[in-house]
């Protein structure tokens, strides 16, 4: 993996995510970590005065100084000498994310998520939601309570057993190859059943074939609330990481579908790896 893109808004939650990424970097064989902050000099849809070039320059310098300070703190965490790149720009993050990842050969986006309730979760959750919805690259969402330096020994792969492309699964096993963890494939349904459609049986067979070398355990769990059931399973099995492949919905469809990945990202006690739903 050439590069990791670490998103930061300079909050405590973002710092924990940057710490976690720094601890993983040697295991991932990362050559470069990009510390990135997107900010706005004016709020869209308002009639506030347009900042002068001088004000814009001062804002950029201030944010670059914050990134440099973050870099110094992260360097103290490791015996290696990772290569950092600092980037602050006046931009709307969802609009820039994929372009930046493509240009910088990014293999993983890392971000934090804060708080479980209240206004803090609203703002951080909104950022997380936009990134998960927009990103065409794997996103690692790190909660504040994540343990830094523990490594990844057990992975829970949450799946609805519907239409997971081989391209998405290939991204999954690139990460599994790096850590060689114990793998649990978890499917949650309102009522446990041993009767599946032909398409579902094909998906189960595909998962068995693709994940065979990791010797995964398959678990079929009955539960009314998917995210809660996955989190409970992860806790019981001492998981280090939860993995999902979010579904792409049309605008109308999205109104009626809750995003399980977003629910997991907001509430998980361990990092969540969201792998984009890629075409075959």
C-alpha atoms as a PDB file:
ATOM      1  CA  UNK A   1       0.000   0.000   0.000  1.00  0.00           C
ATOM      2  CA  UNK A   2       1.574   3.259  -1.144  1.00  0.00           C
ATOM      3  CA  UNK A   3      -0.290   5.895   0.874  1.00  0.00           C
ATOM      4  CA  UNK A   4      -2.779   6.402   3.701  1.00  0.00           C
ATOM      5  CA  UNK A   5      -4.969   9.505   3.745  1.00  0.00           C
ATOM      6  CA  UNK A   6      -5.621  10.615   7.339  1.00  0.00           C
ATOM      7  CA  UNK A   7      -8.514  13.059   7.627  1.00  0.00           C
ATOM      8  CA  UNK A   8      -8.387  15.482  10.544  1.00  0.00           C
ATOM      9  CA  UNK A   9     -10.409  18.346  11.949  1.00  0.00           C
ATOM     10  CA  UNK A  10      -7.931  18.600  14.867  1.00  0.00           C
ATOM     11  CA  UNK A  11     -10.428  17.126  17.352  1.00  0.00           C
ATOM     12  CA  UNK A  12      -9.530  14.508  19.979  1.00  0.00           C
ATOM     13  CA  UNK A  13     -11.390  11.910  17.922  1.00  0.00           C
ATOM     14  CA  UNK A  14      -9.381  12.752  14.811  1.00  0.00           C
ATOM     15  CA  UNK A  15      -6.140  12.582  16.803  1.00  0.00           C
ATOM     16  CA  UNK A  16      -6.981   9.077  18.029  1.00  0.00           C
ATOM     17  CA  UNK A  17      -7.604   8.008  14.432  1.00  0.00           C
ATOM     18  CA  UNK A  18      -4.245   9.461  13.379  1.00  0.00           C
ATOM     19  CA  UNK A  19      -2.539   7.612  16.260  1.00  0.00           C
ATOM     20  CA  UNK A  20      -4.203   4.372  15.209  1.00  0.00           C
ATOM     21  CA  UNK A  21      -3.176   4.842  11.570  1.00  0.00           C
ATOM     22  CA  UNK A  22       0.413   5.550  12.611  1.00  0.00           C
ATOM     23  CA  UNK A  23       0.534   2.322  14.616  1.00  0.00           C
ATOM     24  CA  UNK A  24      -0.808   0.328  11.637  1.00  0.00           C
ATOM     25  CA  UNK A  25       1.405   1.929   8.991  1.00  0.00           C
ATOM     26  CA  UNK A  26       4.430  -0.405   9.410  1.00  0.00           C
ATOM     27  CA  UNK A  27       2.146  -3.464   9.213  1.00  0.00           C
ATOM     28  CA  UNK A  28       0.553  -2.130   6.027  1.00  0.00           C
ATOM     29  CA  UNK A  29       3.898  -1.370   4.400  1.00  0.00           C
ATOM     30  CA  UNK A  30       2.851   2.241   3.895  1.00  0.00           C
ATOM     31  CA  UNK A  31       5.351   4.541   2.187  1.00  0.00           C
ATOM     32  CA  UNK A  32       3.579   7.815   2.941  1.00  0.00           C
ATOM     33  CA  UNK A  33       0.921   9.208   5.266  1.00  0.00           C
ATOM     34  CA  UNK A  34      -1.010  12.249   4.096  1.00  0.00           C
ATOM     35  CA  UNK A  35      -2.386  14.415   6.902  1.00  0.00           C
ATOM     36  CA  UNK A  36      -5.313  16.240   5.346  1.00  0.00           C
ATOM     37  CA  UNK A  37      -7.591  19.025   6.554  1.00  0.00           C
ATOM     38  CA  UNK A  38     -10.398  20.465   4.437  1.00  0.00           C
ATOM     39  CA  UNK A  39     -11.804  23.789   5.587  1.00  0.00           C
ATOM     40  CA  UNK A  40     -14.095  26.476   4.211  1.00  0.00           C
ATOM     41  CA  UNK A  41     -13.287  30.183   4.133  1.00  0.00           C
ATOM     42  CA  UNK A  42     -16.943  30.959   3.580  1.00  0.00           C
ATOM     43  CA  UNK A  43     -20.145  29.076   4.281  1.00  0.00           C
ATOM     44  CA  UNK A  44     -22.098  28.110   1.186  1.00  0.00           C
ATOM     45  CA  UNK A  45     -25.618  29.495   0.965  1.00  0.00           C
ATOM     46  CA  UNK A  46     -24.958  32.521   3.194  1.00  0.00           C
ATOM     47  CA  UNK A  47     -24.485  36.199   2.501  1.00  0.00           C
ATOM     48  CA  UNK A  48     -21.383  36.532   4.657  1.00  0.00           C
ATOM     49  CA  UNK A  49     -18.607  38.713   3.211  1.00  0.00           C
ATOM     50  CA  UNK A  50     -16.150  36.943   0.921  1.00  0.00           C
ATOM     51  CA  UNK A  51     -12.766  36.648   2.722  1.00  0.00           C
ATOM     52  CA  UNK A  52      -9.923  38.720   1.336  1.00  0.00           C
ATOM     53  CA  UNK A  53      -6.838  36.982  -0.107  1.00  0.00           C
ATOM     54  CA  UNK A  54      -4.953  38.020   3.033  1.00  0.00           C
ATOM     55  CA  UNK A  55      -7.501  36.323   5.294  1.00  0.00           C
ATOM     56  CA  UNK A  56      -7.482  33.215   3.102  1.00  0.00           C
ATOM     57  CA  UNK A  57      -3.689  33.041   3.304  1.00  0.00           C
ATOM     58  CA  UNK A  58      -3.741  33.420   7.096  1.00  0.00           C
ATOM     59  CA  UNK A  59      -6.315  30.631   7.430  1.00  0.00           C
ATOM     60  CA  UNK A  60      -4.207  28.342   5.258  1.00  0.00           C
ATOM     61  CA  UNK A  61      -1.044  29.063   7.252  1.00  0.00           C
ATOM     62  CA  UNK A  62      -2.867  28.473  10.539  1.00  0.00           C
ATOM     63  CA  UNK A  63      -4.152  25.098   9.377  1.00  0.00           C
ATOM     64  CA  UNK A  64      -0.746  24.077   8.014  1.00  0.00           C
ATOM     65  CA  UNK A  65       0.800  24.923  11.407  1.00  0.00           C
ATOM     66  CA  UNK A  66      -1.775  22.689  13.093  1.00  0.00           C
ATOM     67  CA  UNK A  67      -0.927  19.867  10.691  1.00  0.00           C
ATOM     68  CA  UNK A  68       2.790  20.321  11.404  1.00  0.00           C
ATOM     69  CA  UNK A  69       2.084  20.104  15.138  1.00  0.00           C
ATOM     70  CA  UNK A  70       0.055  16.922  14.589  1.00  0.00           C
ATOM     71  CA  UNK A  71       2.909  15.461  12.549  1.00  0.00           C
ATOM     72  CA  UNK A  72       5.377  16.179  15.374  1.00  0.00           C
ATOM     73  CA  UNK A  73       3.124  14.437  17.907  1.00  0.00           C
ATOM     74  CA  UNK A  74       2.721  11.381  15.696  1.00  0.00           C
ATOM     75  CA  UNK A  75       6.468  11.084  15.086  1.00  0.00           C
ATOM     76  CA  UNK A  76       6.964  10.671  18.837  1.00  0.00           C
ATOM     77  CA  UNK A  77       4.794   7.544  18.736  1.00  0.00           C
ATOM     78  CA  UNK A  78       7.001   5.401  16.520  1.00  0.00           C
ATOM     79  CA  UNK A  79      10.590   4.234  16.258  1.00  0.00           C
ATOM     80  CA  UNK A  80      10.336   4.290  12.472  1.00  0.00           C
ATOM     81  CA  UNK A  81      10.644   7.460  10.419  1.00  0.00           C
ATOM     82  CA  UNK A  82       7.443   7.596   8.386  1.00  0.00           C
ATOM     83  CA  UNK A  83       7.150  10.000   5.498  1.00  0.00           C
ATOM     84  CA  UNK A  84       4.393  12.551   5.998  1.00  0.00           C
ATOM     85  CA  UNK A  85       2.765  14.932   3.569  1.00  0.00           C
ATOM     86  CA  UNK A  86       0.733  17.845   4.937  1.00  0.00           C
ATOM     87  CA  UNK A  87      -2.201  19.181   2.975  1.00  0.00           C
ATOM     88  CA  UNK A  88      -4.763  21.821   3.971  1.00  0.00           C
ATOM     89  CA  UNK A  89      -7.116  23.309   1.433  1.00  0.00           C
ATOM     90  CA  UNK A  90     -10.266  25.365   1.120  1.00  0.00           C
ATOM     91  CA  UNK A  91     -12.508  22.591  -0.158  1.00  0.00           C
ATOM     92  CA  UNK A  92     -15.674  20.616   0.473  1.00  0.00           C
ATOM     93  CA  UNK A  93     -14.331  17.208   1.500  1.00  0.00           C
ATOM     94  CA  UNK A  94     -16.845  14.942  -0.308  1.00  0.00           C
ATOM     95  CA  UNK A  95     -16.146  16.760  -3.571  1.00  0.00           C
ATOM     96  CA  UNK A  96     -12.366  16.372  -3.259  1.00  0.00           C
ATOM     97  CA  UNK A  97     -11.965  12.966  -1.634  1.00  0.00           C
ATOM     98  CA  UNK A  98     -11.893  10.583  -4.603  1.00  0.00           C
ATOM     99  CA  UNK A  99      -9.879  12.948  -6.783  1.00  0.00           C
ATOM    100  CA  UNK A 100      -7.261  13.313  -4.053  1.00  0.00           C
ATOM    101  CA  UNK A 101      -7.115   9.555  -3.436  1.00  0.00           C
ATOM    102  CA  UNK A 102      -6.618   8.841  -7.132  1.00  0.00           C
ATOM    103  CA  UNK A 103      -3.920  11.484  -7.602  1.00  0.00           C
ATOM    104  CA  UNK A 104      -2.032  10.424  -4.459  1.00  0.00           C
ATOM    105  CA  UNK A 105      -2.314   6.638  -4.956  1.00  0.00           C
ATOM    106  CA  UNK A 106      -4.167   6.240  -1.653  1.00  0.00           C
ATOM    107  CA  UNK A 107      -5.027   2.722  -0.534  1.00  0.00           C
ATOM    108  CA  UNK A 108      -6.867   3.599   2.669  1.00  0.00           C
ATOM    109  CA  UNK A 109      -8.709   6.602   4.104  1.00  0.00           C
ATOM    110  CA  UNK A 110      -8.653   6.933   7.909  1.00  0.00           C
ATOM    111  CA  UNK A 111     -10.928   9.126  10.005  1.00  0.00           C
ATOM    112  CA  UNK A 112     -12.197   9.406  13.563  1.00  0.00           C
ATOM    113  CA  UNK A 113     -15.688   9.414  14.971  1.00  0.00           C
ATOM    114  CA  UNK A 114     -16.592  11.000  18.298  1.00  0.00           C
ATOM    115  CA  UNK A 115     -19.259  10.717  20.915  1.00  0.00           C
ATOM    116  CA  UNK A 116     -22.224   8.401  21.029  1.00  0.00           C
ATOM    117  CA  UNK A 117     -24.883  11.024  21.733  1.00  0.00           C
ATOM    118  CA  UNK A 118     -25.662  14.695  21.399  1.00  0.00           C
ATOM    119  CA  UNK A 119     -24.408  17.523  19.238  1.00  0.00           C
ATOM    120  CA  UNK A 120     -20.857  16.146  18.996  1.00  0.00           C
ATOM    121  CA  UNK A 121     -22.108  12.962  17.335  1.00  0.00           C
ATOM    122  CA  UNK A 122     -24.333  14.997  15.012  1.00  0.00           C
ATOM    123  CA  UNK A 123     -21.427  16.940  13.526  1.00  0.00           C
ATOM    124  CA  UNK A 124     -18.855  14.136  13.526  1.00  0.00           C
ATOM    125  CA  UNK A 125     -21.488  11.662  12.366  1.00  0.00           C
ATOM    126  CA  UNK A 126     -22.414  13.929   9.490  1.00  0.00           C
ATOM    127  CA  UNK A 127     -18.786  14.041   8.310  1.00  0.00           C
ATOM    128  CA  UNK A 128     -18.441  10.282   8.648  1.00  0.00           C
ATOM    129  CA  UNK A 129     -21.692   9.700   6.799  1.00  0.00           C
ATOM    130  CA  UNK A 130     -20.611  11.880   3.875  1.00  0.00           C
ATOM    131  CA  UNK A 131     -17.244  10.160   3.581  1.00  0.00           C
ATOM    132  CA  UNK A 132     -18.728   6.644   3.737  1.00  0.00           C
ATOM    133  CA  UNK A 133     -21.309   7.577   1.121  1.00  0.00           C
ATOM    134  CA  UNK A 134     -18.847   9.282  -1.225  1.00  0.00           C
ATOM    135  CA  UNK A 135     -15.612   7.318  -0.997  1.00  0.00           C
ATOM    136  CA  UNK A 136     -14.617   4.939  -3.771  1.00  0.00           C
ATOM    137  CA  UNK A 137     -11.737   3.767  -1.552  1.00  0.00           C
ATOM    138  CA  UNK A 138     -11.678   1.730   1.676  1.00  0.00           C
ATOM    139  CA  UNK A 139     -12.403   3.866   4.745  1.00  0.00           C
ATOM    140  CA  UNK A 140     -11.242   2.978   8.259  1.00  0.00           C
ATOM    141  CA  UNK A 141     -13.420   4.671  10.898  1.00  0.00           C
ATOM    142  CA  UNK A 142     -11.705   4.738  14.295  1.00  0.00           C
ATOM    143  CA  UNK A 143     -13.708   5.341  17.501  1.00  0.00           C
ATOM    144  CA  UNK A 144     -12.156   7.319  20.351  1.00  0.00           C
ATOM    145  CA  UNK A 145     -12.030   4.234  22.566  1.00  0.00           C
ATOM    146  CA  UNK A 146     -10.034   2.183  20.034  1.00  0.00           C
ATOM    147  CA  UNK A 147      -6.900   0.636  21.528  1.00  0.00           C
ATOM    148  CA  UNK A 148      -3.779   1.891  19.742  1.00  0.00           C
ATOM    149  CA  UNK A 149      -0.965  -0.589  19.096  1.00  0.00           C
ATOM    150  CA  UNK A 150      -3.033  -3.711  19.699  1.00  0.00           C
ATOM    151  CA  UNK A 151      -2.959  -4.886  16.087  1.00  0.00           C
ATOM    152  CA  UNK A 152      -5.694  -6.832  14.316  1.00  0.00           C
ATOM    153  CA  UNK A 153      -6.124 -10.445  15.392  1.00  0.00           C
ATOM    154  CA  UNK A 154      -9.858 -11.033  14.909  1.00  0.00           C
ATOM    155  CA  UNK A 155     -12.139  -9.655  12.176  1.00  0.00           C
ATOM    156  CA  UNK A 156     -15.930  -9.691  11.971  1.00  0.00           C
ATOM    157  CA  UNK A 157     -17.185  -9.404   8.385  1.00  0.00           C
ATOM    158  CA  UNK A 158     -20.827  -8.319   8.494  1.00  0.00           C
ATOM    159  CA  UNK A 159     -22.749  -9.268   5.351  1.00  0.00           C
ATOM    160  CA  UNK A 160     -26.356  -9.554   4.179  1.00  0.00           C
ATOM    161  CA  UNK A 161     -25.267 -12.210   1.649  1.00  0.00           C
ATOM    162  CA  UNK A 162     -26.521 -10.125  -1.275  1.00  0.00           C
ATOM    163  CA  UNK A 163     -24.573  -9.084  -4.379  1.00  0.00           C
ATOM    164  CA  UNK A 164     -21.042  -8.720  -3.032  1.00  0.00           C
ATOM    165  CA  UNK A 165     -18.790  -8.309  -6.048  1.00  0.00           C
ATOM    166  CA  UNK A 166     -15.516 -10.164  -6.435  1.00  0.00           C
ATOM    167  CA  UNK A 167     -13.824  -6.761  -6.803  1.00  0.00           C
ATOM    168  CA  UNK A 168     -14.985  -5.724  -3.325  1.00  0.00           C
ATOM    169  CA  UNK A 169     -13.960  -9.074  -1.870  1.00  0.00           C
ATOM    170  CA  UNK A 170     -10.517  -8.703  -3.435  1.00  0.00           C
ATOM    171  CA  UNK A 171     -10.077  -5.456  -1.514  1.00  0.00           C
ATOM    172  CA  UNK A 172     -11.104  -7.274   1.652  1.00  0.00           C
ATOM    173  CA  UNK A 173      -8.569 -10.045   1.331  1.00  0.00           C
ATOM    174  CA  UNK A 174      -5.772  -7.597   0.553  1.00  0.00           C
ATOM    175  CA  UNK A 175      -6.221  -6.410   4.132  1.00  0.00           C
ATOM    176  CA  UNK A 176      -6.636  -9.933   5.502  1.00  0.00           C
ATOM    177  CA  UNK A 177      -3.371 -10.964   3.825  1.00  0.00           C
ATOM    178  CA  UNK A 178      -1.543  -8.262   5.795  1.00  0.00           C
ATOM    179  CA  UNK A 179      -2.796  -9.324   9.239  1.00  0.00           C
ATOM    180  CA  UNK A 180      -3.757 -13.030   8.948  1.00  0.00           C
ATOM    181  CA  UNK A 181      -6.506 -12.620  11.562  1.00  0.00           C
ATOM    182  CA  UNK A 182      -9.188 -15.011  12.704  1.00  0.00           C
ATOM    183  CA  UNK A 183     -12.165 -14.296  10.408  1.00  0.00           C
ATOM    184  CA  UNK A 184     -15.834 -14.447  11.420  1.00  0.00           C
ATOM    185  CA  UNK A 185     -18.432 -14.003   8.658  1.00  0.00           C
ATOM    186  CA  UNK A 186     -21.669 -12.829  10.286  1.00  0.00           C
ATOM    187  CA  UNK A 187     -25.115 -12.693   8.705  1.00  0.00           C
ATOM    188  CA  UNK A 188     -27.966 -11.283  10.798  1.00  0.00           C
ATOM    189  CA  UNK A 189     -31.594 -11.995   9.895  1.00  0.00           C
ATOM    190  CA  UNK A 190     -34.838 -11.311  11.836  1.00  0.00           C
ATOM    191  CA  UNK A 191     -35.330 -15.069  12.215  1.00  0.00           C
ATOM    192  CA  UNK A 192     -32.691 -17.746  11.811  1.00  0.00           C
ATOM    193  CA  UNK A 193     -33.338 -19.992   8.835  1.00  0.00           C
ATOM    194  CA  UNK A 194     -31.704 -22.764   6.886  1.00  0.00           C
ATOM    195  CA  UNK A 195     -33.766 -21.971   3.768  1.00  0.00           C
ATOM    196  CA  UNK A 196     -32.026 -19.623   1.348  1.00  0.00           C
ATOM    197  CA  UNK A 197     -32.747 -18.553  -2.214  1.00  0.00           C
ATOM    198  CA  UNK A 198     -30.548 -19.827  -5.030  1.00  0.00           C
ATOM    199  CA  UNK A 199     -28.886 -16.389  -5.301  1.00  0.00           C
ATOM    200  CA  UNK A 200     -28.101 -16.364  -1.581  1.00  0.00           C
ATOM    201  CA  UNK A 201     -26.674 -19.872  -1.755  1.00  0.00           C
ATOM    202  CA  UNK A 202     -24.426 -18.745  -4.630  1.00  0.00           C
ATOM    203  CA  UNK A 203     -23.243 -15.811  -2.507  1.00  0.00           C
ATOM    204  CA  UNK A 204     -22.482 -18.104   0.425  1.00  0.00           C
ATOM    205  CA  UNK A 205     -20.555 -20.417  -1.900  1.00  0.00           C
ATOM    206  CA  UNK A 206     -18.607 -17.444  -3.304  1.00  0.00           C
ATOM    207  CA  UNK A 207     -17.667 -16.287   0.191  1.00  0.00           C
ATOM    208  CA  UNK A 208     -16.509 -19.780   1.131  1.00  0.00           C
ATOM    209  CA  UNK A 209     -14.343 -19.961  -1.998  1.00  0.00           C
ATOM    210  CA  UNK A 210     -12.835 -16.474  -1.723  1.00  0.00           C
ATOM    211  CA  UNK A 211     -12.154 -16.646   2.010  1.00  0.00           C
ATOM    212  CA  UNK A 212     -11.142 -20.321   2.137  1.00  0.00           C
ATOM    213  CA  UNK A 213      -7.459 -19.692   2.834  1.00  0.00           C
ATOM    214  CA  UNK A 214      -8.366 -17.685   5.955  1.00  0.00           C
ATOM    215  CA  UNK A 215     -10.338 -20.625   7.370  1.00  0.00           C
ATOM    216  CA  UNK A 216     -13.324 -18.427   8.289  1.00  0.00           C
ATOM    217  CA  UNK A 217     -16.117 -19.309  10.682  1.00  0.00           C
ATOM    218  CA  UNK A 218     -19.624 -18.596   9.352  1.00  0.00           C
ATOM    219  CA  UNK A 219     -22.292 -17.448  11.795  1.00  0.00           C
ATOM    220  CA  UNK A 220     -26.004 -17.033  11.041  1.00  0.00           C
ATOM    221  CA  UNK A 221     -27.516 -14.902  13.793  1.00  0.00           C
ATOM    222  CA  UNK A 222     -31.167 -14.134  14.537  1.00  0.00           C
ATOM    223  CA  UNK A 223     -31.705 -10.503  15.472  1.00  0.00           C
ATOM    224  CA  UNK A 224     -34.228  -7.724  14.865  1.00  0.00           C
ATOM    225  CA  UNK A 225     -31.570  -5.001  14.764  1.00  0.00           C
ATOM    226  CA  UNK A 226     -28.606  -5.817  12.543  1.00  0.00           C
ATOM    227  CA  UNK A 227     -26.095  -3.264  13.876  1.00  0.00           C
ATOM    228  CA  UNK A 228     -26.792  -4.123  17.522  1.00  0.00           C
ATOM    229  CA  UNK A 229     -26.473  -7.848  16.806  1.00  0.00           C
ATOM    230  CA  UNK A 230     -23.169  -7.385  14.964  1.00  0.00           C
ATOM    231  CA  UNK A 231     -21.746  -5.223  17.765  1.00  0.00           C
ATOM    232  CA  UNK A 232     -22.821  -7.749  20.395  1.00  0.00           C
ATOM    233  CA  UNK A 233     -21.213 -10.563  18.398  1.00  0.00           C
ATOM    234  CA  UNK A 234     -18.014  -8.539  17.962  1.00  0.00           C
ATOM    235  CA  UNK A 235     -17.836  -7.896  21.702  1.00  0.00           C
ATOM    236  CA  UNK A 236     -18.419 -11.545  22.604  1.00  0.00           C
ATOM    237  CA  UNK A 237     -15.687 -12.679  20.186  1.00  0.00           C
ATOM    238  CA  UNK A 238     -13.174  -9.948  21.148  1.00  0.00           C
ATOM    239  CA  UNK A 239     -13.033  -8.579  17.599  1.00  0.00           C
ATOM    240  CA  UNK A 240     -10.285  -6.130  16.632  1.00  0.00           C
ATOM    241  CA  UNK A 241     -12.070  -4.907  13.497  1.00  0.00           C
ATOM    242  CA  UNK A 242     -15.519  -4.935  11.893  1.00  0.00           C
ATOM    243  CA  UNK A 243     -15.740  -4.977   8.088  1.00  0.00           C
ATOM    244  CA  UNK A 244     -18.722  -4.014   5.923  1.00  0.00           C
ATOM    245  CA  UNK A 245     -19.452  -3.461   2.238  1.00  0.00           C
ATOM    246  CA  UNK A 246     -22.138  -0.723   2.160  1.00  0.00           C
ATOM    247  CA  UNK A 247     -24.850  -0.997  -0.456  1.00  0.00           C
ATOM    248  CA  UNK A 248     -25.307   1.739  -3.058  1.00  0.00           C
ATOM    249  CA  UNK A 249     -28.919   2.942  -3.103  1.00  0.00           C
ATOM    250  CA  UNK A 250     -30.697   5.376  -5.380  1.00  0.00           C
ATOM    251  CA  UNK A 251     -31.940   8.586  -3.753  1.00  0.00           C
ATOM    252  CA  UNK A 252     -35.508   7.276  -3.391  1.00  0.00           C
ATOM    253  CA  UNK A 253     -34.335   3.881  -2.176  1.00  0.00           C
ATOM    254  CA  UNK A 254     -32.011   5.488   0.378  1.00  0.00           C
ATOM    255  CA  UNK A 255     -34.991   7.167   2.060  1.00  0.00           C
ATOM    256  CA  UNK A 256     -36.358   3.757   3.000  1.00  0.00           C
ATOM    257  CA  UNK A 257     -33.082   1.969   3.774  1.00  0.00           C
ATOM    258  CA  UNK A 258     -31.090   2.479   6.952  1.00  0.00           C
ATOM    259  CA  UNK A 259     -27.354   2.319   6.432  1.00  0.00           C
ATOM    260  CA  UNK A 260     -26.047  -0.489   8.628  1.00  0.00           C
ATOM    261  CA  UNK A 261     -22.474   0.652   7.966  1.00  0.00           C
ATOM    262  CA  UNK A 262     -23.213   4.148   9.276  1.00  0.00           C
ATOM    263  CA  UNK A 263     -24.919   2.741  12.376  1.00  0.00           C
ATOM    264  CA  UNK A 264     -21.885   0.559  13.026  1.00  0.00           C
ATOM    265  CA  UNK A 265     -19.489   3.464  12.436  1.00  0.00           C
ATOM    266  CA  UNK A 266     -21.304   5.684  14.957  1.00  0.00           C
ATOM    267  CA  UNK A 267     -21.635   3.015  17.645  1.00  0.00           C
ATOM    268  CA  UNK A 268     -18.753   0.557  17.306  1.00  0.00           C
ATOM    269  CA  UNK A 269     -16.161   0.246  20.061  1.00  0.00           C
ATOM    270  CA  UNK A 270     -13.581  -1.105  17.578  1.00  0.00           C
ATOM    271  CA  UNK A 271     -12.504   0.306  14.196  1.00  0.00           C
ATOM    272  CA  UNK A 272     -14.792  -0.239  11.224  1.00  0.00           C
ATOM    273  CA  UNK A 273     -13.414  -0.911   7.742  1.00  0.00           C
ATOM    274  CA  UNK A 274     -15.911   0.134   5.068  1.00  0.00           C
ATOM    275  CA  UNK A 275     -15.073  -1.355   1.670  1.00  0.00           C
ATOM    276  CA  UNK A 276     -16.832   0.325  -1.268  1.00  0.00           C
ATOM    277  CA  UNK A 277     -19.330  -1.641  -3.311  1.00  0.00           C
ATOM    278  CA  UNK A 278     -17.432  -2.027  -6.571  1.00  0.00           C
ATOM    279  CA  UNK A 279     -18.728  -3.348  -9.900  1.00  0.00           C
ATOM    280  CA  UNK A 280     -17.521  -6.738 -11.085  1.00  0.00           C
END
